[in-house]
Amino acid sequence: HPAAALRNPRWREAFVQDMEKLPRLIQGLRDKH
């Protein structure tokens, strides 16, 4: 259940780190084309 996952600090920390990486990944994909 998503709400239960959000209450898990370790999972939320990993999620936040992934969200911080996303713009860089998107920019990298954009630069390749």
PDB file of N, CA and C in Angstrom:
ATOM      1  N   HIS A   1       0.851  -1.207   0.000  1.00  0.00           N
ATOM      2  CA  HIS A   1       0.000   0.000   0.000  1.00  0.00           C
ATOM      3  C   HIS A   1       0.880   1.248   0.000  1.00  0.00           C
ATOM      4  N   PRO A   2       0.643   2.190  -0.917  1.00  0.00           N
ATOM      5  CA  PRO A   2       1.511   3.377  -1.034  1.00  0.00           C
ATOM      6  C   PRO A   2       1.637   4.169   0.258  1.00  0.00           C
ATOM      7  N   ALA A   3       0.540   4.326   0.991  1.00  0.00           N
ATOM      8  CA  ALA A   3       0.593   5.113   2.227  1.00  0.00           C
ATOM      9  C   ALA A   3       1.510   4.448   3.242  1.00  0.00           C
ATOM     10  N   ALA A   4       1.467   3.129   3.304  1.00  0.00           N
ATOM     11  CA  ALA A   4       2.344   2.406   4.225  1.00  0.00           C
ATOM     12  C   ALA A   4       3.801   2.602   3.812  1.00  0.00           C
ATOM     13  N   ALA A   5       4.056   2.604   2.516  1.00  0.00           N
ATOM     14  CA  ALA A   5       5.418   2.792   2.028  1.00  0.00           C
ATOM     15  C   ALA A   5       5.929   4.180   2.396  1.00  0.00           C
ATOM     16  N   LEU A   6       5.042   5.182   2.301  1.00  0.00           N
ATOM     17  CA  LEU A   6       5.456   6.545   2.634  1.00  0.00           C
ATOM     18  C   LEU A   6       5.787   6.682   4.112  1.00  0.00           C
ATOM     19  N   ARG A   7       5.202   5.825   4.938  1.00  0.00           N
ATOM     20  CA  ARG A   7       5.507   5.890   6.373  1.00  0.00           C
ATOM     21  C   ARG A   7       6.845   5.222   6.681  1.00  0.00           C
ATOM     22  N   ASN A   8       7.398   4.505   5.711  1.00  0.00           N
ATOM     23  CA  ASN A   8       8.687   3.837   5.908  1.00  0.00           C
ATOM     24  C   ASN A   8       9.796   4.842   5.598  1.00  0.00           C
ATOM     25  N   PRO A   9      10.526   5.324   6.610  1.00  0.00           N
ATOM     26  CA  PRO A   9      11.527   6.391   6.388  1.00  0.00           C
ATOM     27  C   PRO A   9      12.595   5.994   5.381  1.00  0.00           C
ATOM     28  N   ARG A  10      13.024   4.740   5.419  1.00  0.00           N
ATOM     29  CA  ARG A  10      14.097   4.308   4.514  1.00  0.00           C
ATOM     30  C   ARG A  10      13.614   4.357   3.071  1.00  0.00           C
ATOM     31  N   TRP A  11      12.369   3.888   2.860  1.00  0.00           N
ATOM     32  CA  TRP A  11      11.807   3.895   1.508  1.00  0.00           C
ATOM     33  C   TRP A  11      11.631   5.324   1.020  1.00  0.00           C
ATOM     34  N   ARG A  12      11.124   6.190   1.939  1.00  0.00           N
ATOM     35  CA  ARG A  12      10.881   7.583   1.552  1.00  0.00           C
ATOM     36  C   ARG A  12      12.200   8.274   1.218  1.00  0.00           C
ATOM     37  N   GLU A  13      13.252   7.967   1.967  1.00  0.00           N
ATOM     38  CA  GLU A  13      14.548   8.589   1.692  1.00  0.00           C
ATOM     39  C   GLU A  13      15.054   8.178   0.313  1.00  0.00           C
ATOM     40  N   ALA A  14      14.903   6.886  -0.010  1.00  0.00           N
ATOM     41  CA  ALA A  14      15.328   6.403  -1.323  1.00  0.00           C
ATOM     42  C   ALA A  14      14.500   7.063  -2.420  1.00  0.00           C
ATOM     43  N   PHE A  15      13.208   7.229  -2.154  1.00  0.00           N
ATOM     44  CA  PHE A  15      12.322   7.853  -3.138  1.00  0.00           C
ATOM     45  C   PHE A  15      12.740   9.298  -3.382  1.00  0.00           C
ATOM     46  N   VAL A  16      13.028  10.026  -2.303  1.00  0.00           N
ATOM     47  CA  VAL A  16      13.438  11.430  -2.431  1.00  0.00           C
ATOM     48  C   VAL A  16      14.734  11.522  -3.225  1.00  0.00           C
ATOM     49  N   GLN A  17      15.670  10.608  -2.965  1.00  0.00           N
ATOM     50  CA  GLN A  17      16.942  10.631  -3.692  1.00  0.00           C
ATOM     51  C   GLN A  17      16.702  10.379  -5.175  1.00  0.00           C
ATOM     52  N   ASP A  18      15.781   9.441  -5.492  1.00  0.00           N
ATOM     53  CA  ASP A  18      15.468   9.164  -6.893  1.00  0.00           C
ATOM     54  C   ASP A  18      14.845  10.387  -7.562  1.00  0.00           C
ATOM     55  N   MET A  19      13.966  11.084  -6.834  1.00  0.00           N
ATOM     56  CA  MET A  19      13.328  12.264  -7.406  1.00  0.00           C
ATOM     57  C   MET A  19      14.354  13.364  -7.656  1.00  0.00           C
ATOM     58  N   GLU A  20      15.384  13.422  -6.800  1.00  0.00           N
ATOM     59  CA  GLU A  20      16.431  14.427  -7.002  1.00  0.00           C
ATOM     60  C   GLU A  20      17.292  14.081  -8.213  1.00  0.00           C
ATOM     61  N   LYS A  21      17.421  12.779  -8.517  1.00  0.00           N
ATOM     62  CA  LYS A  21      18.228  12.357  -9.667  1.00  0.00           C
ATOM     63  C   LYS A  21      17.483  12.563 -10.984  1.00  0.00           C
ATOM     64  N   LEU A  22      16.155  12.517 -10.927  1.00  0.00           N
ATOM     65  CA  LEU A  22      15.358  12.546 -12.157  1.00  0.00           C
ATOM     66  C   LEU A  22      15.689  13.714 -13.085  1.00  0.00           C
ATOM     67  N   PRO A  23      15.721  14.960 -12.593  1.00  0.00           N
ATOM     68  CA  PRO A  23      16.007  16.073 -13.509  1.00  0.00           C
ATOM     69  C   PRO A  23      17.329  15.892 -14.246  1.00  0.00           C
ATOM     70  N   ARG A  24      18.340  15.361 -13.550  1.00  0.00           N
ATOM     71  CA  ARG A  24      19.643  15.159 -14.178  1.00  0.00           C
ATOM     72  C   ARG A  24      19.543  14.085 -15.256  1.00  0.00           C
ATOM     73  N   LEU A  25      18.778  13.024 -14.968  1.00  0.00           N
ATOM     74  CA  LEU A  25      18.610  11.953 -15.949  1.00  0.00           C
ATOM     75  C   LEU A  25      17.866  12.467 -17.175  1.00  0.00           C
ATOM     76  N   ILE A  26      16.821  13.254 -16.942  1.00  0.00           N
ATOM     77  CA  ILE A  26      16.037  13.806 -18.053  1.00  0.00           C
ATOM     78  C   ILE A  26      16.909  14.737 -18.884  1.00  0.00           C
ATOM     79  N   GLN A  27      17.702  15.560 -18.215  1.00  0.00           N
ATOM     80  CA  GLN A  27      18.587  16.477 -18.929  1.00  0.00           C
ATOM     81  C   GLN A  27      19.605  15.690 -19.745  1.00  0.00           C
ATOM     82  N   GLY A  28      20.115  14.590 -19.175  1.00  0.00           N
ATOM     83  CA  GLY A  28      21.072  13.750 -19.893  1.00  0.00           C
ATOM     84  C   GLY A  28      20.452  13.148 -21.140  1.00  0.00           C
ATOM     85  N   LEU A  29      19.212  12.694 -21.030  1.00  0.00           N
ATOM     86  CA  LEU A  29      18.529  12.136 -22.198  1.00  0.00           C
ATOM     87  C   LEU A  29      18.318  13.210 -23.254  1.00  0.00           C
ATOM     88  N   ARG A  30      17.987  14.413 -22.807  1.00  0.00           N
ATOM     89  CA  ARG A  30      17.730  15.514 -23.728  1.00  0.00           C
ATOM     90  C   ARG A  30      19.024  15.886 -24.463  1.00  0.00           C
ATOM     91  N   ASP A  31      20.149  15.857 -23.741  1.00  0.00           N
ATOM     92  CA  ASP A  31      21.421  16.251 -24.351  1.00  0.00           C
ATOM     93  C   ASP A  31      21.853  15.258 -25.427  1.00  0.00           C
ATOM     94  N   LYS A  32      21.462  13.982 -25.278  1.00  0.00           N
ATOM     95  CA  LYS A  32      21.901  12.959 -26.233  1.00  0.00           C
ATOM     96  C   LYS A  32      21.211  13.113 -27.580  1.00  0.00           C
ATOM     97  N   HIS A  33      20.003  13.671 -27.606  1.00  0.00           N
ATOM     98  CA  HIS A  33      19.240  13.751 -28.853  1.00  0.00           C
ATOM     99  C   HIS A  33      19.550  15.036 -29.614  1.00  0.00           C
TER     100      HIS A  33
END
